[in-house]
Structures are given as structure tokens and as C-alpha cells.
Amino acid sequence: MKYSKEEQIAIGARLYNHEITHREAIIEYEISSSSIDNYIRAYKRSKGIPINSPPSVKQSSPKPPKRSSDMDIE
């Protein structure tokens, strides 16, 4: 179901304030979990609450295996 921005913010507020759980919102409003995340973000933006983004994953190339010539052999 499509909700207006005001409705999305109101739903996001209920979720943010722990008035309903994610599961309850999915059933009551017939929305997806990604919509829930978006509604909570919309609520936070409307109130000036900082939005925490997940930490970025550093993409690095794997180190090559050590060769015996690279190791100190006594």
C-alpha cells in the first residue's frame, strides 16, 4: 500500500519510539522491511536526528601467500 510522506513519518515515529515492532508494522501496514527502514529514516530527518549508516566495508586485495624465500630461515 502507498502512504503519503506524512503517513510514512507517522509510521516511522511509531517504530522509532518502540510503539510497534517491525513485525507488527509489516502486518498492520502491509509494508516491507525496507520500507520500514525508509520510514524510520524519514522520521529521523523530519526531527533532525542523526542517521547512522552502516560502516563501509573496506575493499582490499588479499595478500599473496608468503613464499619460503620471504621468510627468515635459519
Protein backbone atom coordinates (compact mmCIF):
# COMPACT_ATOMS: atom_id res chain seq x y z
CA MET A 1 0.00 0.00 0.00
CA LYS A 2 1.22 3.52 -0.78
CA TYR A 3 1.42 6.00 2.08
CA SER A 4 1.86 9.79 1.94
CA LYS A 5 5.05 11.35 3.31
CA GLU A 6 3.17 12.44 6.43
CA GLU A 7 1.85 8.90 6.96
CA GLN A 8 5.32 7.43 6.41
CA ILE A 9 6.77 9.79 9.02
CA ALA A 10 3.98 8.89 11.47
CA ILE A 11 4.64 5.16 10.96
CA GLY A 12 8.38 5.80 11.31
CA ALA A 13 7.74 7.64 14.59
CA ARG A 14 5.78 4.69 15.98
CA LEU A 15 8.62 2.36 15.06
CA TYR A 16 11.36 4.68 16.34
CA ASN A 17 9.54 5.16 19.65
CA HIS A 18 9.04 1.38 20.00
CA GLU A 19 5.25 1.67 19.98
CA ILE A 20 5.14 -1.19 17.46
CA THR A 21 7.64 -3.80 16.33
CA HIS A 22 8.86 -4.31 12.79
CA ARG A 23 6.75 -7.45 12.53
CA GLU A 24 3.64 -5.61 13.73
CA ALA A 25 4.23 -2.82 11.19
CA ILE A 26 4.65 -5.32 8.35
CA ILE A 27 1.30 -6.91 9.21
CA GLU A 28 -0.64 -3.76 10.15
CA TYR A 29 0.53 -1.55 7.28
CA GLU A 30 1.35 -4.26 4.72
CA ILE A 31 4.83 -2.86 4.10
CA SER A 32 8.24 -4.43 3.55
CA SER A 33 11.17 -4.32 5.94
CA SER A 34 13.00 -1.99 3.54
CA SER A 35 10.00 0.39 3.68
CA ILE A 36 10.24 0.28 7.47
CA ASP A 37 13.88 1.37 7.28
CA ASN A 38 12.93 4.18 4.89
CA TYR A 39 10.08 5.36 7.13
CA ILE A 40 12.33 5.45 10.19
CA ARG A 41 14.91 7.46 8.21
CA ALA A 42 12.17 9.85 7.05
CA TYR A 43 11.08 10.35 10.65
CA LYS A 44 14.65 10.98 11.81
CA ARG A 45 15.22 13.51 9.01
CA SER A 46 12.00 15.33 9.94
CA LYS A 47 13.22 15.66 13.55
CA GLY A 48 16.88 16.38 12.77
CA ILE A 49 18.01 13.12 14.38
CA PRO A 50 21.35 11.88 13.00
CA ILE A 51 21.02 8.89 10.72
CA ASN A 52 23.59 6.20 11.41
CA SER A 53 24.72 4.46 8.28
CA PRO A 54 26.32 1.05 8.43
CA PRO A 55 30.12 1.10 8.40
CA SER A 56 31.57 0.82 4.94
CA VAL A 57 33.39 -2.34 4.07
CA LYS A 58 36.95 -1.66 3.05
CA GLN A 59 37.70 -3.40 -0.21
CA SER A 60 41.28 -4.55 -0.20
CA SER A 61 43.04 -7.08 -2.30
CA PRO A 62 44.10 -10.22 -0.48
CA LYS A 63 47.74 -10.52 0.46
CA PRO A 64 49.69 -13.06 -1.55
CA PRO A 65 50.84 -16.12 0.38
CA LYS A 66 54.32 -15.96 1.83
CA ARG A 67 56.98 -17.81 -0.05
CA SER A 68 59.76 -19.62 1.71
CA SER A 69 62.24 -17.09 0.30
CA ASP A 70 60.30 -14.33 2.09
CA MET A 71 60.70 -15.97 5.49
CA ASP A 72 63.79 -15.90 7.62
CA ILE A 73 65.11 -19.41 7.61
CA GLU A 74 67.96 -20.20 9.94
